[in-house]
């Protein structure tokens, strides 16, 4: 069986075949999970189509400038979507229960946004875990806070799945 698995693995995925040999990393209070993302004009258009949010501040640079911004804004809720993405990518089957958000600074097309969630409380509940996360997003590696808050999620397990690194954009 091992030989069959090795043969079926292509070189870039070879390490995944052996990942079951390592004990899974378990989420603990204080652990931080991150994901980096750059938002594009296409992201704004696609989000607008799904959300029906066609505010001119997202599409018209002149409207945004008249409102006191440097350029068109990325939808705040699109940026906030980083949090459930980070959590569910490490814990498939997660149920996202709640989220509080504080919008601190605008996000513009092309900004590099680092989303971060930190486990601040973990409680076992029958066959799952209720986890409270502190959440924040900073932009352009400058540590300018654009969004923060807290999230609550029900995780099926505390064993984290490995996610490809998003450290480089």
N, C-alpha and C. Protein backbone atom coordinates (compact mmCIF):
# COMPACT_ATOMS: atom_id res chain seq x y z
N UNK A 1 0.82 -1.19 0.00
CA UNK A 1 0.00 0.00 0.00
C UNK A 1 0.87 1.27 0.00
N UNK A 2 1.94 1.28 0.82
CA UNK A 2 2.83 2.43 0.87
C UNK A 2 3.46 2.68 -0.50
N UNK A 3 3.90 1.62 -1.17
CA UNK A 3 4.51 1.76 -2.49
C UNK A 3 3.49 2.32 -3.47
N UNK A 4 2.27 1.83 -3.41
CA UNK A 4 1.22 2.32 -4.31
C UNK A 4 0.97 3.81 -4.06
N UNK A 5 0.95 4.23 -2.80
CA UNK A 5 0.76 5.65 -2.49
C UNK A 5 1.92 6.49 -2.98
N UNK A 6 3.13 6.00 -2.83
CA UNK A 6 4.30 6.74 -3.29
C UNK A 6 4.30 6.89 -4.80
N UNK A 7 3.93 5.84 -5.49
CA UNK A 7 3.89 5.89 -6.96
C UNK A 7 2.84 6.87 -7.44
N UNK A 8 1.71 6.93 -6.74
CA UNK A 8 0.63 7.81 -7.17
C UNK A 8 0.89 9.27 -6.83
N UNK A 9 1.86 9.55 -5.97
CA UNK A 9 2.16 10.94 -5.58
C UNK A 9 3.12 11.56 -6.58
N UNK A 10 2.77 12.77 -7.00
CA UNK A 10 3.68 13.54 -7.85
C UNK A 10 4.66 14.25 -6.92
N UNK A 11 5.86 14.56 -7.37
CA UNK A 11 6.88 15.14 -6.49
C UNK A 11 6.44 16.32 -5.63
N UNK A 12 5.71 17.35 -6.14
CA UNK A 12 5.36 18.45 -5.24
C UNK A 12 4.45 18.02 -4.09
N UNK A 13 3.71 16.92 -4.29
CA UNK A 13 2.77 16.48 -3.28
C UNK A 13 3.31 15.31 -2.46
N UNK A 14 4.56 14.96 -2.68
CA UNK A 14 5.14 13.81 -2.01
C UNK A 14 5.10 13.96 -0.50
N UNK A 15 5.34 15.18 -0.01
CA UNK A 15 5.33 15.38 1.44
C UNK A 15 3.95 15.16 2.04
N UNK A 16 2.91 15.44 1.26
CA UNK A 16 1.56 15.21 1.76
C UNK A 16 1.32 13.73 2.03
N UNK A 17 1.92 12.87 1.26
CA UNK A 17 1.74 11.44 1.44
C UNK A 17 2.32 10.98 2.77
N UNK A 18 3.34 11.68 3.23
CA UNK A 18 3.97 11.31 4.49
C UNK A 18 3.41 12.09 5.68
N UNK A 19 2.51 13.04 5.41
CA UNK A 19 2.03 13.91 6.49
C UNK A 19 1.31 13.11 7.57
N UNK A 20 0.78 11.94 7.24
CA UNK A 20 0.09 11.16 8.25
C UNK A 20 1.06 10.53 9.23
N UNK A 21 2.36 10.54 8.91
CA UNK A 21 3.34 9.98 9.81
C UNK A 21 3.64 10.93 10.97
N UNK A 22 3.40 12.23 10.77
CA UNK A 22 3.63 13.21 11.81
C UNK A 22 2.35 13.37 12.63
N UNK A 23 2.49 13.58 13.94
CA UNK A 23 1.27 13.82 14.72
C UNK A 23 0.66 15.15 14.30
N UNK A 24 -0.67 15.24 14.28
CA UNK A 24 -1.29 16.50 13.87
C UNK A 24 -1.00 17.61 14.86
N UNK A 25 -0.87 18.81 14.34
CA UNK A 25 -0.71 19.98 15.21
C UNK A 25 -2.08 20.30 15.79
N UNK A 26 -2.14 20.52 17.08
CA UNK A 26 -3.40 20.76 17.77
C UNK A 26 -3.51 22.23 18.16
N UNK A 27 -4.66 22.83 17.89
CA UNK A 27 -4.90 24.23 18.22
C UNK A 27 -4.90 24.42 19.74
N UNK A 28 -4.18 25.43 20.18
CA UNK A 28 -4.12 25.77 21.60
C UNK A 28 -4.39 27.27 21.77
N UNK A 29 -4.84 27.65 22.94
CA UNK A 29 -5.05 29.07 23.24
C UNK A 29 -3.74 29.82 22.97
N UNK A 30 -3.86 30.93 22.26
CA UNK A 30 -2.68 31.74 21.91
C UNK A 30 -2.18 31.49 20.50
N UNK A 31 -2.55 30.36 19.89
CA UNK A 31 -2.11 30.07 18.52
C UNK A 31 -2.67 31.10 17.54
N UNK A 32 -1.85 31.48 16.57
CA UNK A 32 -2.22 32.46 15.56
C UNK A 32 -2.18 31.80 14.18
N UNK A 33 -3.23 32.00 13.41
CA UNK A 33 -3.30 31.52 12.02
C UNK A 33 -3.42 32.74 11.12
N UNK A 34 -2.72 32.70 9.96
CA UNK A 34 -2.66 33.87 9.07
C UNK A 34 -2.91 33.49 7.62
N UNK A 35 -3.34 34.50 6.87
CA UNK A 35 -3.44 34.37 5.41
C UNK A 35 -3.26 35.77 4.82
N UNK A 36 -2.48 35.84 3.76
CA UNK A 36 -2.19 37.10 3.08
C UNK A 36 -2.94 37.12 1.75
N UNK A 37 -3.48 38.29 1.40
CA UNK A 37 -4.25 38.39 0.16
C UNK A 37 -4.14 39.80 -0.41
N UNK A 38 -4.14 39.88 -1.73
CA UNK A 38 -4.20 41.15 -2.46
C UNK A 38 -5.54 41.18 -3.18
N UNK A 39 -6.28 42.27 -3.02
CA UNK A 39 -7.60 42.40 -3.65
C UNK A 39 -7.48 43.13 -4.99
N UNK A 40 -8.23 42.63 -5.97
CA UNK A 40 -8.18 43.18 -7.33
C UNK A 40 -9.51 43.83 -7.70
N UNK A 41 -9.52 44.54 -8.81
CA UNK A 41 -10.76 45.11 -9.34
C UNK A 41 -11.76 44.01 -9.63
N UNK A 42 -11.28 42.89 -10.11
CA UNK A 42 -12.16 41.75 -10.41
C UNK A 42 -12.82 41.23 -9.13
N UNK A 43 -12.08 41.21 -8.03
CA UNK A 43 -12.66 40.79 -6.74
C UNK A 43 -13.83 41.69 -6.36
N UNK A 44 -13.66 43.00 -6.56
CA UNK A 44 -14.71 43.96 -6.22
C UNK A 44 -15.95 43.72 -7.07
N UNK A 45 -15.77 43.51 -8.36
CA UNK A 45 -16.89 43.26 -9.26
C UNK A 45 -17.62 41.97 -8.87
N UNK A 46 -16.87 40.91 -8.64
CA UNK A 46 -17.48 39.62 -8.29
C UNK A 46 -18.21 39.70 -6.95
N UNK A 47 -17.62 40.37 -5.98
CA UNK A 47 -18.28 40.49 -4.67
C UNK A 47 -19.56 41.32 -4.81
N UNK A 48 -19.49 42.38 -5.59
CA UNK A 48 -20.65 43.23 -5.80
C UNK A 48 -21.81 42.45 -6.43
N UNK A 49 -21.48 41.57 -7.36
CA UNK A 49 -22.52 40.77 -8.02
C UNK A 49 -23.21 39.83 -7.03
N UNK A 50 -22.46 39.28 -6.11
CA UNK A 50 -23.03 38.35 -5.13
C UNK A 50 -23.76 39.12 -4.02
N UNK A 51 -23.19 40.22 -3.56
CA UNK A 51 -23.75 40.95 -2.42
C UNK A 51 -24.79 42.00 -2.82
N UNK A 52 -24.80 42.37 -4.09
CA UNK A 52 -25.65 43.45 -4.60
C UNK A 52 -25.28 44.80 -3.99
N UNK A 53 -24.05 44.93 -3.55
CA UNK A 53 -23.53 46.19 -3.02
C UNK A 53 -22.81 46.90 -4.15
N UNK A 54 -23.51 47.85 -4.76
CA UNK A 54 -22.92 48.57 -5.90
C UNK A 54 -22.63 50.03 -5.54
N UNK A 55 -22.27 50.27 -4.30
CA UNK A 55 -21.91 51.60 -3.84
C UNK A 55 -20.83 52.17 -4.75
N UNK A 56 -21.01 53.40 -5.25
CA UNK A 56 -20.02 54.01 -6.15
C UNK A 56 -18.62 54.12 -5.55
N UNK A 57 -18.50 54.10 -4.22
CA UNK A 57 -17.18 54.18 -3.60
C UNK A 57 -16.30 53.00 -3.98
N UNK A 58 -16.91 51.90 -4.41
CA UNK A 58 -16.17 50.71 -4.81
C UNK A 58 -15.82 50.69 -6.30
N UNK A 59 -16.51 51.54 -7.08
CA UNK A 59 -16.36 51.46 -8.54
C UNK A 59 -15.86 52.74 -9.20
N UNK A 60 -16.02 53.86 -8.54
CA UNK A 60 -15.70 55.14 -9.15
C UNK A 60 -14.68 55.89 -8.29
N UNK A 61 -13.49 56.05 -8.82
CA UNK A 61 -12.41 56.70 -8.08
C UNK A 61 -12.78 58.14 -7.71
N UNK A 62 -13.46 58.85 -8.60
CA UNK A 62 -13.84 60.24 -8.31
C UNK A 62 -14.82 60.31 -7.14
N UNK A 63 -15.79 59.41 -7.11
CA UNK A 63 -16.74 59.37 -5.99
C UNK A 63 -16.01 59.09 -4.68
N UNK A 64 -15.08 58.17 -4.74
CA UNK A 64 -14.30 57.82 -3.54
C UNK A 64 -13.47 59.01 -3.08
N UNK A 65 -12.85 59.72 -4.02
CA UNK A 65 -12.03 60.88 -3.65
C UNK A 65 -12.88 62.01 -3.09
N UNK A 66 -14.07 62.22 -3.65
CA UNK A 66 -14.98 63.25 -3.13
C UNK A 66 -15.42 62.92 -1.70
N UNK A 67 -15.45 61.63 -1.37
CA UNK A 67 -15.85 61.19 -0.03
C UNK A 67 -14.67 61.20 0.94
N UNK A 68 -13.46 61.57 0.45
CA UNK A 68 -12.31 61.70 1.33
C UNK A 68 -11.35 60.52 1.30
N UNK A 69 -11.53 59.59 0.36
CA UNK A 69 -10.64 58.44 0.26
C UNK A 69 -9.63 58.66 -0.86
N UNK A 70 -8.55 57.87 -0.83
CA UNK A 70 -7.49 58.01 -1.84
C UNK A 70 -7.90 57.43 -3.19
N UNK A 71 -8.72 56.39 -3.15
CA UNK A 71 -9.10 55.68 -4.38
C UNK A 71 -10.33 54.82 -4.07
N UNK A 72 -10.70 53.97 -5.01
CA UNK A 72 -11.84 53.06 -4.82
C UNK A 72 -11.57 52.13 -3.64
N UNK A 73 -12.62 51.83 -2.90
CA UNK A 73 -12.51 50.98 -1.72
C UNK A 73 -12.83 49.53 -2.03
N UNK A 74 -12.14 48.64 -1.36
CA UNK A 74 -12.51 47.22 -1.37
C UNK A 74 -13.63 47.10 -0.33
N UNK A 75 -14.67 46.32 -0.64
CA UNK A 75 -15.77 46.10 0.30
C UNK A 75 -15.22 45.59 1.64
N UNK A 76 -15.63 46.22 2.72
CA UNK A 76 -15.18 45.79 4.04
C UNK A 76 -15.55 44.36 4.36
N UNK A 77 -16.74 43.94 3.95
CA UNK A 77 -17.16 42.58 4.24
C UNK A 77 -16.37 41.56 3.42
N UNK A 78 -15.88 41.97 2.26
CA UNK A 78 -15.01 41.08 1.48
C UNK A 78 -13.70 40.85 2.23
N UNK A 79 -13.17 41.91 2.82
CA UNK A 79 -11.94 41.77 3.61
C UNK A 79 -12.23 40.89 4.84
N UNK A 80 -13.36 41.12 5.49
CA UNK A 80 -13.74 40.34 6.68
C UNK A 80 -13.91 38.86 6.37
N UNK A 81 -14.17 38.53 5.11
CA UNK A 81 -14.33 37.12 4.71
C UNK A 81 -13.02 36.34 4.85
N UNK A 82 -11.91 37.04 5.08
CA UNK A 82 -10.65 36.34 5.34
C UNK A 82 -10.74 35.47 6.58
N UNK A 83 -11.47 35.93 7.59
CA UNK A 83 -11.50 35.21 8.86
C UNK A 83 -12.09 33.81 8.74
N UNK A 84 -13.30 33.66 8.21
CA UNK A 84 -13.80 32.28 8.06
C UNK A 84 -12.96 31.45 7.09
N UNK A 85 -12.34 32.10 6.12
CA UNK A 85 -11.46 31.38 5.18
C UNK A 85 -10.28 30.79 5.94
N UNK A 86 -9.67 31.59 6.79
CA UNK A 86 -8.50 31.13 7.56
C UNK A 86 -8.90 29.96 8.45
N UNK A 87 -9.98 30.12 9.19
CA UNK A 87 -10.39 29.10 10.14
C UNK A 87 -10.82 27.81 9.45
N UNK A 88 -11.68 27.92 8.44
CA UNK A 88 -12.19 26.70 7.79
C UNK A 88 -11.13 25.99 6.96
N UNK A 89 -10.10 26.71 6.50
CA UNK A 89 -9.04 26.03 5.74
C UNK A 89 -8.20 25.14 6.65
N UNK A 90 -8.11 25.49 7.92
CA UNK A 90 -7.38 24.66 8.88
C UNK A 90 -8.26 23.61 9.55
N UNK A 91 -9.57 23.89 9.59
CA UNK A 91 -10.52 23.01 10.27
C UNK A 91 -11.76 22.81 9.40
N UNK A 92 -11.66 21.96 8.37
CA UNK A 92 -12.82 21.71 7.50
C UNK A 92 -14.00 21.20 8.33
N UNK A 93 -15.18 21.67 7.97
CA UNK A 93 -16.38 21.29 8.71
C UNK A 93 -16.71 22.25 9.83
N UNK A 94 -15.95 23.34 9.93
CA UNK A 94 -16.19 24.36 10.95
C UNK A 94 -17.52 25.05 10.69
N UNK A 95 -18.23 25.37 11.78
CA UNK A 95 -19.44 26.18 11.70
C UNK A 95 -19.09 27.54 12.28
N UNK A 96 -19.17 28.56 11.45
CA UNK A 96 -18.85 29.94 11.86
C UNK A 96 -20.09 30.49 12.55
N UNK A 97 -20.00 30.84 13.82
CA UNK A 97 -21.17 31.18 14.62
C UNK A 97 -21.40 32.69 14.73
N UNK A 98 -20.35 33.46 14.97
CA UNK A 98 -20.53 34.91 15.12
C UNK A 98 -19.26 35.65 14.78
N UNK A 99 -19.44 36.96 14.53
CA UNK A 99 -18.31 37.81 14.18
C UNK A 99 -18.64 39.24 14.59
N UNK A 100 -17.76 39.90 15.30
CA UNK A 100 -17.88 41.34 15.53
C UNK A 100 -16.78 42.00 14.70
N UNK A 101 -17.08 43.16 14.14
CA UNK A 101 -16.13 43.83 13.26
C UNK A 101 -16.03 45.31 13.60
N UNK A 102 -14.82 45.83 13.52
CA UNK A 102 -14.56 47.25 13.66
C UNK A 102 -13.69 47.65 12.46
N UNK A 103 -14.24 48.47 11.57
CA UNK A 103 -13.52 48.92 10.39
C UNK A 103 -12.67 50.12 10.79
N UNK A 104 -11.35 50.00 10.70
CA UNK A 104 -10.44 51.01 11.22
C UNK A 104 -9.81 51.90 10.15
N UNK A 105 -9.56 51.34 8.98
CA UNK A 105 -8.86 52.06 7.93
C UNK A 105 -9.28 51.47 6.58
N UNK A 106 -9.32 52.28 5.53
CA UNK A 106 -9.77 51.76 4.23
C UNK A 106 -8.78 50.79 3.59
N UNK A 107 -9.33 49.90 2.77
CA UNK A 107 -8.53 48.97 1.97
C UNK A 107 -8.77 49.33 0.51
N UNK A 108 -7.68 49.49 -0.24
CA UNK A 108 -7.75 49.85 -1.65
C UNK A 108 -7.29 48.69 -2.51
N UNK A 109 -7.71 48.71 -3.77
CA UNK A 109 -7.27 47.70 -4.73
C UNK A 109 -5.75 47.68 -4.74
N UNK A 110 -5.17 46.48 -4.67
CA UNK A 110 -3.73 46.33 -4.69
C UNK A 110 -3.07 46.29 -3.33
N UNK A 111 -3.81 46.67 -2.27
CA UNK A 111 -3.24 46.57 -0.92
C UNK A 111 -2.98 45.11 -0.58
N UNK A 112 -1.89 44.85 0.10
CA UNK A 112 -1.59 43.51 0.61
C UNK A 112 -2.18 43.45 2.01
N UNK A 113 -3.12 42.55 2.21
CA UNK A 113 -3.81 42.44 3.50
C UNK A 113 -3.40 41.14 4.17
N UNK A 114 -2.96 41.25 5.41
CA UNK A 114 -2.64 40.08 6.21
C UNK A 114 -3.76 39.89 7.22
N UNK A 115 -4.53 38.80 7.05
CA UNK A 115 -5.58 38.45 8.00
C UNK A 115 -5.01 37.52 9.04
N UNK A 116 -5.45 37.72 10.28
CA UNK A 116 -4.90 36.94 11.38
C UNK A 116 -6.01 36.62 12.36
N UNK A 117 -6.07 35.37 12.80
CA UNK A 117 -6.98 34.96 13.86
C UNK A 117 -6.15 34.32 14.96
N UNK A 118 -6.48 34.65 16.21
CA UNK A 118 -5.77 34.09 17.35
C UNK A 118 -6.78 33.45 18.29
N UNK A 119 -6.56 32.18 18.61
CA UNK A 119 -7.44 31.48 19.54
C UNK A 119 -7.27 32.07 20.93
N UNK A 120 -8.36 32.60 21.49
CA UNK A 120 -8.27 33.21 22.83
C UNK A 120 -9.04 32.42 23.88
N UNK A 121 -9.91 31.52 23.43
CA UNK A 121 -10.63 30.67 24.37
C UNK A 121 -11.08 29.41 23.64
N UNK A 122 -10.84 28.25 24.23
CA UNK A 122 -11.24 26.98 23.64
C UNK A 122 -12.04 26.21 24.70
N UNK A 123 -13.24 25.80 24.31
CA UNK A 123 -14.09 25.05 25.23
C UNK A 123 -14.61 23.79 24.54
N UNK A 124 -14.44 22.66 25.18
CA UNK A 124 -14.95 21.40 24.62
C UNK A 124 -16.45 21.35 24.83
N UNK A 125 -17.18 20.89 23.82
CA UNK A 125 -18.63 20.80 23.87
C UNK A 125 -19.06 19.52 23.18
N UNK A 126 -19.31 18.47 23.94
CA UNK A 126 -19.68 17.16 23.42
C UNK A 126 -18.60 16.67 22.47
N UNK A 127 -18.90 16.57 21.18
CA UNK A 127 -17.93 16.04 20.21
C UNK A 127 -17.31 17.14 19.36
N UNK A 128 -17.38 18.38 19.84
CA UNK A 128 -16.81 19.49 19.08
C UNK A 128 -16.17 20.48 20.06
N UNK A 129 -15.68 21.59 19.50
CA UNK A 129 -15.00 22.59 20.31
C UNK A 129 -15.51 23.96 19.92
N UNK A 130 -15.86 24.76 20.93
CA UNK A 130 -16.27 26.14 20.68
C UNK A 130 -15.03 27.00 20.92
N UNK A 131 -14.63 27.73 19.87
CA UNK A 131 -13.40 28.51 19.95
C UNK A 131 -13.72 29.98 19.68
N UNK A 132 -13.21 30.82 20.56
CA UNK A 132 -13.31 32.26 20.37
C UNK A 132 -11.97 32.75 19.84
N UNK A 133 -12.03 33.53 18.77
CA UNK A 133 -10.83 34.05 18.13
C UNK A 133 -10.81 35.58 18.20
N UNK A 134 -9.66 36.13 18.43
CA UNK A 134 -9.42 37.55 18.21
C UNK A 134 -9.05 37.67 16.73
N UNK A 135 -9.59 38.67 16.03
CA UNK A 135 -9.35 38.79 14.59
C UNK A 135 -8.79 40.17 14.26
N UNK A 136 -7.90 40.20 13.27
CA UNK A 136 -7.41 41.49 12.79
C UNK A 136 -6.85 41.35 11.38
N UNK A 137 -6.89 42.47 10.67
CA UNK A 137 -6.26 42.57 9.35
C UNK A 137 -5.40 43.83 9.35
N UNK A 138 -4.20 43.69 8.82
CA UNK A 138 -3.30 44.84 8.65
C UNK A 138 -2.93 44.92 7.17
N UNK A 139 -2.49 46.12 6.74
CA UNK A 139 -2.20 46.26 5.32
C UNK A 139 -0.76 46.62 5.03
N UNK A 140 -0.34 46.15 3.86
CA UNK A 140 0.95 46.48 3.25
C UNK A 140 2.14 46.29 4.18
N UNK A 141 2.07 45.28 5.01
CA UNK A 141 3.16 44.95 5.94
C UNK A 141 3.57 46.13 6.80
N UNK A 142 2.71 47.13 6.92
CA UNK A 142 3.04 48.32 7.71
C UNK A 142 2.42 48.26 9.09
N UNK A 143 1.66 47.23 9.33
CA UNK A 143 0.94 47.06 10.60
C UNK A 143 -0.15 48.11 10.79
N UNK A 144 -0.60 48.74 9.68
CA UNK A 144 -1.75 49.64 9.77
C UNK A 144 -2.98 48.76 9.92
N UNK A 145 -3.66 48.89 11.04
CA UNK A 145 -4.83 48.09 11.32
C UNK A 145 -6.00 48.56 10.47
N UNK A 146 -6.59 47.65 9.69
CA UNK A 146 -7.74 48.02 8.87
C UNK A 146 -9.03 47.43 9.39
N UNK A 147 -8.94 46.34 10.14
CA UNK A 147 -10.15 45.65 10.58
C UNK A 147 -9.79 44.79 11.79
N UNK A 148 -10.64 44.81 12.80
CA UNK A 148 -10.43 43.91 13.93
C UNK A 148 -11.76 43.53 14.55
N UNK A 149 -11.71 42.59 15.48
CA UNK A 149 -12.93 42.14 16.13
C UNK A 149 -12.71 40.78 16.78
N UNK A 150 -13.80 40.03 16.90
CA UNK A 150 -13.76 38.69 17.46
C UNK A 150 -14.67 37.79 16.66
N UNK A 151 -14.33 36.51 16.64
CA UNK A 151 -15.15 35.51 15.95
C UNK A 151 -15.34 34.31 16.87
N UNK A 152 -16.45 33.62 16.68
CA UNK A 152 -16.72 32.40 17.42
C UNK A 152 -17.03 31.33 16.37
N UNK A 153 -16.45 30.15 16.57
CA UNK A 153 -16.67 29.05 15.63
C UNK A 153 -16.74 27.72 16.38
N UNK A 154 -17.50 26.80 15.81
CA UNK A 154 -17.56 25.44 16.35
C UNK A 154 -16.69 24.58 15.45
N UNK A 155 -15.63 24.04 16.02
CA UNK A 155 -14.68 23.21 15.28
C UNK A 155 -14.96 21.74 15.56
N UNK A 156 -14.91 20.90 14.52
CA UNK A 156 -15.14 19.48 14.73
C UNK A 156 -13.97 18.80 15.45
N UNK A 157 -12.80 19.43 15.38
CA UNK A 157 -11.58 18.88 15.98
C UNK A 157 -10.62 20.03 16.24
N UNK A 158 -9.65 19.79 17.08
CA UNK A 158 -8.60 20.79 17.30
C UNK A 158 -7.35 20.46 16.48
N UNK A 159 -7.37 19.31 15.78
CA UNK A 159 -6.25 18.93 14.92
C UNK A 159 -6.30 19.78 13.66
N UNK A 160 -5.22 20.53 13.43
CA UNK A 160 -5.16 21.42 12.28
C UNK A 160 -4.70 20.70 11.03
N UNK A 161 -5.36 21.01 9.93
CA UNK A 161 -4.90 20.52 8.63
C UNK A 161 -3.83 21.48 8.15
N UNK A 162 -2.83 20.94 7.46
CA UNK A 162 -1.77 21.78 6.89
C UNK A 162 -2.33 22.54 5.71
N UNK A 163 -2.00 23.80 5.65
CA UNK A 163 -2.44 24.67 4.56
C UNK A 163 -1.17 25.20 3.91
N UNK A 164 -1.20 25.28 2.57
CA UNK A 164 -0.02 25.83 1.88
C UNK A 164 0.23 27.22 2.38
N UNK A 165 1.48 27.56 2.58
CA UNK A 165 1.86 28.85 3.12
C UNK A 165 1.41 29.98 2.20
N UNK A 166 0.97 31.05 2.81
CA UNK A 166 0.58 32.23 2.05
C UNK A 166 1.45 33.41 2.45
N UNK A 167 2.65 33.11 2.93
CA UNK A 167 3.54 34.16 3.41
C UNK A 167 4.01 35.08 2.28
N UNK A 168 4.19 34.53 1.10
CA UNK A 168 4.63 35.35 -0.03
C UNK A 168 3.46 35.66 -0.93
N UNK A 169 3.37 36.89 -1.39
CA UNK A 169 2.28 37.27 -2.28
C UNK A 169 2.82 37.43 -3.67
